[in-house]
Amino acid sequence: MTVDLTLDVRDLEPPEPLEKVLEALCVLEPGQRIRMIHHREPHPLYPILQREGFRHDTHFTDDGIFEILIWRSPSR
C-alpha cells in the first residue's frame, strides 16, 4: 500500500506553493496521491494538472483551508 504525500504550503509565499506541488508530482508513485493543504484555492495549478494527466478534488474545510487531493489519471 502506498502512502499519500501531505504537502502543507500554507506558510509559503507565491510562487513557492506551486513550485513545491510540481516537484512532488515528479516523485509521485503509481497509486499514490498528494494531499495539498493551502490557505487559498490554487487556480493556476488546475490547468497544469489537467495538461500533465493528473486529476484533483478540492475541498474547503470548516477551519478555512483548502485541501486539494491530486492523483495521476488512470489513463496515463
N, C-alpha and C. Protein backbone atom coordinates (compact mmCIF):
# COMPACT_ATOMS: atom_id res chain seq x y z
N MET A 1 0.85 -1.19 0.00
CA MET A 1 0.00 0.00 0.00
C MET A 1 0.90 1.25 0.00
N THR A 2 0.62 2.17 -0.90
CA THR A 2 1.39 3.42 -0.96
C THR A 2 0.76 4.46 -0.04
N VAL A 3 1.60 5.24 0.57
CA VAL A 3 1.15 6.28 1.50
C VAL A 3 1.04 7.60 0.74
N ASP A 4 -0.06 8.31 0.99
CA ASP A 4 -0.25 9.62 0.37
C ASP A 4 0.80 10.60 0.90
N LEU A 5 1.21 11.52 0.04
CA LEU A 5 2.12 12.60 0.43
C LEU A 5 1.30 13.78 0.91
N THR A 6 1.63 14.33 2.07
CA THR A 6 0.97 15.54 2.55
C THR A 6 1.91 16.71 2.33
N LEU A 7 1.38 17.73 1.70
CA LEU A 7 2.16 18.92 1.36
C LEU A 7 1.44 20.14 1.93
N ASP A 8 1.94 20.64 3.06
CA ASP A 8 1.34 21.80 3.71
C ASP A 8 2.09 23.05 3.24
N VAL A 9 1.43 23.85 2.42
CA VAL A 9 2.07 25.04 1.83
C VAL A 9 1.49 26.34 2.37
N ARG A 10 0.77 26.27 3.46
CA ARG A 10 0.09 27.45 4.00
C ARG A 10 1.03 28.58 4.36
N ASP A 11 2.24 28.27 4.79
CA ASP A 11 3.17 29.32 5.24
C ASP A 11 4.12 29.80 4.14
N LEU A 12 3.92 29.33 2.93
CA LEU A 12 4.82 29.70 1.83
C LEU A 12 4.25 30.87 1.03
N GLU A 13 5.13 31.68 0.51
CA GLU A 13 4.74 32.81 -0.35
C GLU A 13 4.75 32.37 -1.81
N PRO A 14 3.85 32.92 -2.62
CA PRO A 14 3.87 32.60 -4.05
C PRO A 14 5.21 32.99 -4.66
N PRO A 15 5.71 32.20 -5.55
CA PRO A 15 5.16 31.02 -6.22
C PRO A 15 5.57 29.70 -5.58
N GLU A 16 6.08 29.74 -4.34
CA GLU A 16 6.58 28.52 -3.70
C GLU A 16 5.55 27.38 -3.60
N PRO A 17 4.28 27.64 -3.26
CA PRO A 17 3.33 26.53 -3.20
C PRO A 17 3.21 25.78 -4.54
N LEU A 18 3.15 26.53 -5.62
CA LEU A 18 3.06 25.91 -6.94
C LEU A 18 4.34 25.13 -7.24
N GLU A 19 5.48 25.70 -6.94
CA GLU A 19 6.76 25.01 -7.19
C GLU A 19 6.84 23.72 -6.38
N LYS A 20 6.44 23.75 -5.13
CA LYS A 20 6.50 22.56 -4.26
C LYS A 20 5.60 21.44 -4.78
N VAL A 21 4.39 21.78 -5.19
CA VAL A 21 3.50 20.71 -5.65
C VAL A 21 3.97 20.16 -7.00
N LEU A 22 4.54 20.99 -7.86
CA LEU A 22 5.07 20.49 -9.13
C LEU A 22 6.26 19.56 -8.89
N GLU A 23 7.09 19.88 -7.91
CA GLU A 23 8.19 18.98 -7.54
C GLU A 23 7.66 17.65 -7.03
N ALA A 24 6.62 17.71 -6.21
CA ALA A 24 6.04 16.49 -5.64
C ALA A 24 5.42 15.61 -6.73
N LEU A 25 4.85 16.23 -7.76
CA LEU A 25 4.26 15.45 -8.86
C LEU A 25 5.31 14.59 -9.55
N CYS A 26 6.53 15.09 -9.60
CA CYS A 26 7.62 14.36 -10.27
C CYS A 26 8.01 13.07 -9.55
N VAL A 27 7.76 12.99 -8.25
CA VAL A 27 8.15 11.80 -7.48
C VAL A 27 6.94 10.96 -7.08
N LEU A 28 5.76 11.32 -7.57
CA LEU A 28 4.54 10.60 -7.22
C LEU A 28 4.58 9.20 -7.82
N GLU A 29 4.41 8.20 -6.98
CA GLU A 29 4.44 6.80 -7.41
C GLU A 29 3.04 6.38 -7.87
N PRO A 30 2.95 5.32 -8.69
CA PRO A 30 1.64 4.82 -9.12
C PRO A 30 0.75 4.49 -7.92
N GLY A 31 -0.47 4.95 -7.96
CA GLY A 31 -1.42 4.72 -6.88
C GLY A 31 -1.30 5.69 -5.71
N GLN A 32 -0.29 6.52 -5.72
CA GLN A 32 -0.07 7.48 -4.64
C GLN A 32 -0.78 8.79 -4.96
N ARG A 33 -1.14 9.53 -3.92
CA ARG A 33 -1.80 10.83 -4.08
C ARG A 33 -1.06 11.88 -3.27
N ILE A 34 -1.28 13.13 -3.65
CA ILE A 34 -0.76 14.27 -2.89
C ILE A 34 -1.96 14.94 -2.22
N ARG A 35 -1.82 15.20 -0.94
CA ARG A 35 -2.83 15.97 -0.19
C ARG A 35 -2.19 17.32 0.10
N MET A 36 -2.60 18.32 -0.67
CA MET A 36 -2.04 19.67 -0.54
C MET A 36 -2.94 20.50 0.37
N ILE A 37 -2.33 21.14 1.35
CA ILE A 37 -3.06 21.98 2.30
C ILE A 37 -2.63 23.43 2.04
N HIS A 38 -3.62 24.28 1.76
CA HIS A 38 -3.31 25.65 1.32
C HIS A 38 -4.32 26.61 1.94
N HIS A 39 -3.93 27.87 2.13
CA HIS A 39 -4.85 28.86 2.69
C HIS A 39 -5.69 29.56 1.62
N ARG A 40 -5.40 29.24 0.35
CA ARG A 40 -6.24 29.76 -0.74
C ARG A 40 -6.34 28.71 -1.83
N GLU A 41 -7.33 28.86 -2.68
CA GLU A 41 -7.51 27.89 -3.76
C GLU A 41 -6.51 28.17 -4.88
N PRO A 42 -5.73 27.15 -5.27
CA PRO A 42 -4.66 27.36 -6.25
C PRO A 42 -5.15 27.24 -7.71
N HIS A 43 -5.91 28.20 -8.15
CA HIS A 43 -6.48 28.16 -9.50
C HIS A 43 -5.45 27.96 -10.61
N PRO A 44 -4.26 28.57 -10.55
CA PRO A 44 -3.28 28.35 -11.63
C PRO A 44 -2.80 26.89 -11.72
N LEU A 45 -2.93 26.15 -10.65
CA LEU A 45 -2.49 24.76 -10.64
C LEU A 45 -3.39 23.86 -11.49
N TYR A 46 -4.67 24.10 -11.50
CA TYR A 46 -5.62 23.19 -12.13
C TYR A 46 -5.37 22.92 -13.62
N PRO A 47 -5.13 23.92 -14.45
CA PRO A 47 -4.85 23.61 -15.86
C PRO A 47 -3.53 22.85 -16.06
N ILE A 48 -2.58 23.09 -15.18
CA ILE A 48 -1.31 22.35 -15.26
C ILE A 48 -1.56 20.88 -14.96
N LEU A 49 -2.34 20.61 -13.92
CA LEU A 49 -2.66 19.23 -13.59
C LEU A 49 -3.36 18.53 -14.74
N GLN A 50 -4.32 19.19 -15.33
CA GLN A 50 -5.06 18.60 -16.45
C GLN A 50 -4.13 18.31 -17.62
N ARG A 51 -3.31 19.27 -17.95
CA ARG A 51 -2.39 19.11 -19.09
C ARG A 51 -1.39 17.97 -18.86
N GLU A 52 -0.97 17.78 -17.62
CA GLU A 52 0.04 16.77 -17.30
C GLU A 52 -0.55 15.40 -16.96
N GLY A 53 -1.89 15.27 -17.04
CA GLY A 53 -2.52 13.97 -16.83
C GLY A 53 -2.84 13.64 -15.38
N PHE A 54 -3.12 14.66 -14.58
CA PHE A 54 -3.49 14.45 -13.18
C PHE A 54 -4.93 14.89 -12.97
N ARG A 55 -5.54 14.33 -11.95
CA ARG A 55 -6.88 14.72 -11.54
C ARG A 55 -6.78 15.32 -10.15
N HIS A 56 -7.82 16.03 -9.74
CA HIS A 56 -7.81 16.65 -8.42
C HIS A 56 -9.22 16.76 -7.88
N ASP A 57 -9.29 16.88 -6.58
CA ASP A 57 -10.55 17.11 -5.88
C ASP A 57 -10.26 18.13 -4.79
N THR A 58 -10.99 19.23 -4.78
CA THR A 58 -10.73 20.32 -3.84
C THR A 58 -11.88 20.45 -2.85
N HIS A 59 -11.50 20.58 -1.58
CA HIS A 59 -12.49 20.78 -0.52
C HIS A 59 -12.07 21.98 0.33
N PHE A 60 -13.05 22.81 0.67
CA PHE A 60 -12.85 23.93 1.60
C PHE A 60 -13.31 23.45 2.96
N THR A 61 -12.41 23.45 3.94
CA THR A 61 -12.73 22.90 5.25
C THR A 61 -13.40 23.94 6.15
N ASP A 62 -13.99 23.47 7.23
CA ASP A 62 -14.66 24.35 8.19
C ASP A 62 -13.70 25.34 8.85
N ASP A 63 -12.42 24.98 8.92
CA ASP A 63 -11.45 25.89 9.54
C ASP A 63 -10.79 26.83 8.53
N GLY A 64 -11.34 26.92 7.32
CA GLY A 64 -10.92 27.93 6.36
C GLY A 64 -9.71 27.60 5.51
N ILE A 65 -9.42 26.32 5.34
CA ILE A 65 -8.31 25.96 4.47
C ILE A 65 -8.80 25.10 3.31
N PHE A 66 -8.01 25.07 2.27
CA PHE A 66 -8.31 24.24 1.12
C PHE A 66 -7.47 22.97 1.19
N GLU A 67 -8.12 21.85 0.98
CA GLU A 67 -7.42 20.57 0.86
C GLU A 67 -7.62 20.10 -0.57
N ILE A 68 -6.51 19.93 -1.27
CA ILE A 68 -6.56 19.52 -2.67
C ILE A 68 -5.92 18.14 -2.75
N LEU A 69 -6.69 17.16 -3.18
CA LEU A 69 -6.20 15.80 -3.35
C LEU A 69 -5.86 15.64 -4.83
N ILE A 70 -4.64 15.21 -5.13
CA ILE A 70 -4.14 15.12 -6.50
C ILE A 70 -3.67 13.69 -6.76
N TRP A 71 -4.06 13.14 -7.89
CA TRP A 71 -3.61 11.80 -8.28
C TRP A 71 -3.47 11.72 -9.79
N ARG A 72 -2.70 10.73 -10.23
CA ARG A 72 -2.46 10.52 -11.64
C ARG A 72 -3.72 9.94 -12.28
N SER A 73 -4.11 10.47 -13.41
CA SER A 73 -5.27 9.96 -14.13
C SER A 73 -5.03 8.51 -14.52
N PRO A 74 -6.02 7.64 -14.34
CA PRO A 74 -5.83 6.21 -14.63
C PRO A 74 -5.43 5.92 -16.08
N SER A 75 -5.76 6.80 -16.99
CA SER A 75 -5.46 6.55 -18.40
C SER A 75 -4.00 6.84 -18.74
N ARG A 76 -3.23 7.35 -17.79
CA ARG A 76 -1.82 7.68 -18.06
C ARG A 76 -0.88 6.73 -17.37
